[in-house]
């Protein structure tokens, strides 16, 4: 019974240590703490806990493996070309919003253009030929319009609609006022 209690206590301490190392390593990877702070954390942990190097190695290894798996998944065609609620047409520097109306198959969707109304126009700064617009300041409101015709878009090796469309979780409208 006493041995069991000691093992449970040791297990709780190791879990807490694993969590603390994981969170500190995550902060270090996101540049929230400096290299010196990370080194000080490691030096403190080595002095306080027996078997710290093994625990640290295991936590960092699993964190790095999980981070690498997530990075590979996010850059894979499986994630990149999955069907979402909206499909935005990219025309050079302009973007037009479309909504996915019907999913025919994994590689074919039916889309319809959406109405977009400019809420906040970008500001113009004098310079150049006439002026320069700050396009990041645009705000748009979107609404479905069932009077627009539908269009079939297929997934090819270049992407949706030969790479002209990108699936998105929200509609995007951008008009480049600088052209």
Protein backbone atom coordinates (compact mmCIF):
# COMPACT_ATOMS: atom_id res chain seq x y z
CA UNK A 1 0.00 0.00 0.00
CA UNK A 2 2.82 2.41 0.91
CA UNK A 3 4.71 1.51 -2.26
CA UNK A 4 1.56 2.12 -4.34
CA UNK A 5 1.09 5.57 -2.77
CA UNK A 6 4.73 6.45 -3.48
CA UNK A 7 4.37 5.31 -7.11
CA UNK A 8 1.19 7.36 -7.55
CA UNK A 9 2.88 10.40 -6.03
CA UNK A 10 5.92 9.92 -8.28
CA UNK A 11 3.62 9.48 -11.30
CA UNK A 12 1.79 12.75 -10.46
CA UNK A 13 5.11 14.58 -10.09
CA UNK A 14 6.33 13.21 -13.46
CA UNK A 15 3.07 14.21 -15.19
CA UNK A 16 3.31 17.73 -13.75
CA UNK A 17 6.96 17.92 -14.82
CA UNK A 18 6.13 16.68 -18.33
CA UNK A 19 3.42 19.32 -18.62
CA UNK A 20 5.71 22.10 -17.39
CA UNK A 21 8.50 21.09 -19.78
CA UNK A 22 6.01 20.85 -22.65
CA UNK A 23 4.62 24.34 -21.99
CA UNK A 24 8.08 25.90 -21.62
CA UNK A 25 9.31 24.19 -24.79
CA UNK A 26 6.25 25.47 -26.62
CA UNK A 27 6.95 29.03 -25.43
CA UNK A 28 10.57 28.64 -26.53
CA UNK A 29 9.49 27.39 -30.01
CA UNK A 30 7.10 30.35 -30.39
CA UNK A 31 9.81 32.85 -29.35
CA UNK A 32 7.87 33.86 -26.25
CA UNK A 33 10.89 33.15 -24.04
CA UNK A 34 14.54 33.67 -24.89
CA UNK A 35 17.23 31.04 -25.25
CA UNK A 36 18.72 32.19 -21.94
CA UNK A 37 15.38 31.74 -20.11
CA UNK A 38 15.03 28.25 -21.62
CA UNK A 39 18.59 27.36 -20.51
CA UNK A 40 17.91 28.64 -16.98
CA UNK A 41 14.71 26.56 -16.82
CA UNK A 42 16.65 23.46 -17.86
CA UNK A 43 19.46 24.09 -15.35
CA UNK A 44 16.92 24.54 -12.55
CA UNK A 45 15.11 21.35 -13.50
CA UNK A 46 18.32 19.28 -13.58
CA UNK A 47 19.22 20.37 -10.08
CA UNK A 48 15.76 19.59 -8.64
CA UNK A 49 14.66 16.35 -10.32
CA UNK A 50 16.45 13.05 -10.75
CA UNK A 51 16.09 11.64 -14.28
CA UNK A 52 15.33 15.10 -15.68
CA UNK A 53 17.30 14.57 -18.91
CA UNK A 54 15.29 11.47 -19.79
CA UNK A 55 11.97 13.20 -19.09
CA UNK A 56 13.04 16.32 -20.99
CA UNK A 57 14.22 14.28 -23.95
CA UNK A 58 10.95 12.30 -24.07
CA UNK A 59 8.73 15.42 -23.82
CA UNK A 60 10.67 17.38 -26.45
CA UNK A 61 10.77 14.38 -28.77
CA UNK A 62 6.99 13.84 -28.60
CA UNK A 63 6.32 17.59 -28.96
CA UNK A 64 8.61 17.83 -31.97
CA UNK A 65 7.06 14.72 -33.57
CA UNK A 66 3.54 16.10 -33.06
CA UNK A 67 4.59 19.49 -34.44
CA UNK A 68 6.15 17.84 -37.50
CA UNK A 69 3.07 15.66 -38.12
CA UNK A 70 0.81 18.73 -37.92
CA UNK A 71 3.07 20.70 -40.28
CA UNK A 72 3.06 17.85 -42.82
CA UNK A 73 -0.73 17.50 -42.60
CA UNK A 74 -1.32 21.24 -43.06
CA UNK A 75 0.87 21.26 -46.17
CA UNK A 76 -0.62 18.06 -47.60
CA UNK A 77 -3.13 18.05 -50.47
CA UNK A 78 -5.56 16.25 -48.17
CA UNK A 79 -5.89 19.40 -46.03
CA UNK A 80 -5.09 22.01 -48.67
CA UNK A 81 -7.75 20.90 -51.16
CA UNK A 82 -10.51 19.72 -48.80
CA UNK A 83 -14.04 20.90 -49.48
CA UNK A 84 -15.14 23.80 -47.31
CA UNK A 85 -18.14 26.12 -47.12
CA UNK A 86 -16.77 28.82 -49.47
CA UNK A 87 -14.66 28.85 -52.60
CA UNK A 88 -12.93 32.12 -53.52
CA UNK A 89 -11.87 32.97 -57.07
CA UNK A 90 -8.40 34.53 -57.20
CA UNK A 91 -7.94 36.81 -60.20
CA UNK A 92 -4.41 38.21 -60.04
CA UNK A 93 -4.72 40.74 -57.17
CA UNK A 94 -8.55 40.62 -56.83
CA UNK A 95 -10.57 37.96 -55.00
CA UNK A 96 -14.27 37.16 -55.60
CA UNK A 97 -16.38 35.14 -53.10
CA UNK A 98 -18.35 32.03 -54.10
CA UNK A 99 -20.33 29.67 -51.89
CA UNK A 100 -20.36 25.90 -52.26
CA UNK A 101 -23.95 24.99 -53.10
CA UNK A 102 -23.65 21.26 -53.73
CA UNK A 103 -20.93 18.66 -53.32
CA UNK A 104 -21.12 16.26 -56.26
CA UNK A 105 -18.08 14.16 -55.28
CA UNK A 106 -14.70 14.50 -53.54
CA UNK A 107 -13.35 16.24 -56.64
CA UNK A 108 -16.40 18.11 -57.96
CA UNK A 109 -18.42 20.90 -56.36
CA UNK A 110 -21.16 23.21 -57.54
CA UNK A 111 -20.60 26.87 -56.60
CA UNK A 112 -22.52 30.15 -56.91
CA UNK A 113 -21.24 33.72 -56.75
CA UNK A 114 -22.11 35.79 -53.67
CA UNK A 115 -23.10 39.44 -53.35
CA UNK A 116 -20.56 41.59 -51.57
CA UNK A 117 -21.06 45.15 -50.34
CA UNK A 118 -18.17 47.40 -49.38
CA UNK A 119 -18.55 48.56 -45.76
CA UNK A 120 -15.24 50.32 -45.27
CA UNK A 121 -13.21 51.62 -48.21
CA UNK A 122 -9.43 51.84 -48.03
CA UNK A 123 -7.78 55.20 -47.44
CA UNK A 124 -5.70 56.86 -50.14
CA UNK A 125 -2.28 58.34 -49.46
CA UNK A 126 -0.92 60.82 -52.00
CA UNK A 127 2.07 59.62 -53.97
CA UNK A 128 3.00 57.83 -57.14
CA UNK A 129 0.90 58.66 -60.22
CA UNK A 130 -2.27 59.55 -58.30
CA UNK A 131 -2.10 57.90 -54.88
CA UNK A 132 -1.61 54.68 -53.02
CA UNK A 133 -4.48 52.74 -51.41
CA UNK A 134 -4.00 50.63 -48.29
CA UNK A 135 -5.93 47.51 -49.40
CA UNK A 136 -5.76 45.82 -45.98
CA UNK A 137 -8.33 48.28 -44.63
CA UNK A 138 -11.21 46.91 -46.75
CA UNK A 139 -14.28 45.49 -45.00
CA UNK A 140 -17.05 43.70 -46.87
CA UNK A 141 -20.43 42.19 -46.04
CA UNK A 142 -21.58 39.07 -47.88
CA UNK A 143 -24.94 37.58 -48.76
CA UNK A 144 -26.15 34.67 -50.84
CA UNK A 145 -27.96 35.41 -54.07
CA UNK A 146 -29.91 32.50 -55.53
CA UNK A 147 -30.52 34.33 -58.82
CA UNK A 148 -26.89 33.84 -59.86
CA UNK A 149 -26.22 30.73 -61.96
CA UNK A 150 -24.27 27.84 -60.51
CA UNK A 151 -20.95 26.64 -61.86
CA UNK A 152 -19.20 23.26 -61.63
CA UNK A 153 -15.60 23.36 -60.34
CA UNK A 154 -13.35 20.30 -60.38
CA UNK A 155 -10.23 19.48 -58.42
CA UNK A 156 -7.25 19.04 -60.74
CA UNK A 157 -3.59 18.43 -60.00
CA UNK A 158 -3.14 22.23 -59.84
CA UNK A 159 -6.01 22.78 -57.38
CA UNK A 160 -9.69 23.69 -57.61
CA UNK A 161 -10.63 25.01 -61.05
CA UNK A 162 -7.05 24.60 -62.35
CA UNK A 163 -5.73 26.53 -59.35
CA UNK A 164 -7.95 29.61 -59.76
CA UNK A 165 -10.18 28.78 -56.77
CA UNK A 166 -9.18 28.29 -53.15
CA UNK A 167 -11.51 26.73 -50.59
CA UNK A 168 -12.06 28.74 -47.40
CA UNK A 169 -14.09 28.73 -44.20
CA UNK A 170 -15.18 32.32 -44.84
CA UNK A 171 -15.92 34.35 -47.96
CA UNK A 172 -13.17 36.72 -49.06
CA UNK A 173 -13.55 39.77 -51.27
CA UNK A 174 -10.64 41.98 -52.21
CA UNK A 175 -10.47 44.69 -54.82
CA UNK A 176 -7.03 46.09 -55.51
CA UNK A 177 -7.58 49.84 -55.88
CA UNK A 178 -3.96 50.38 -56.92
CA UNK A 179 -4.63 49.09 -60.46
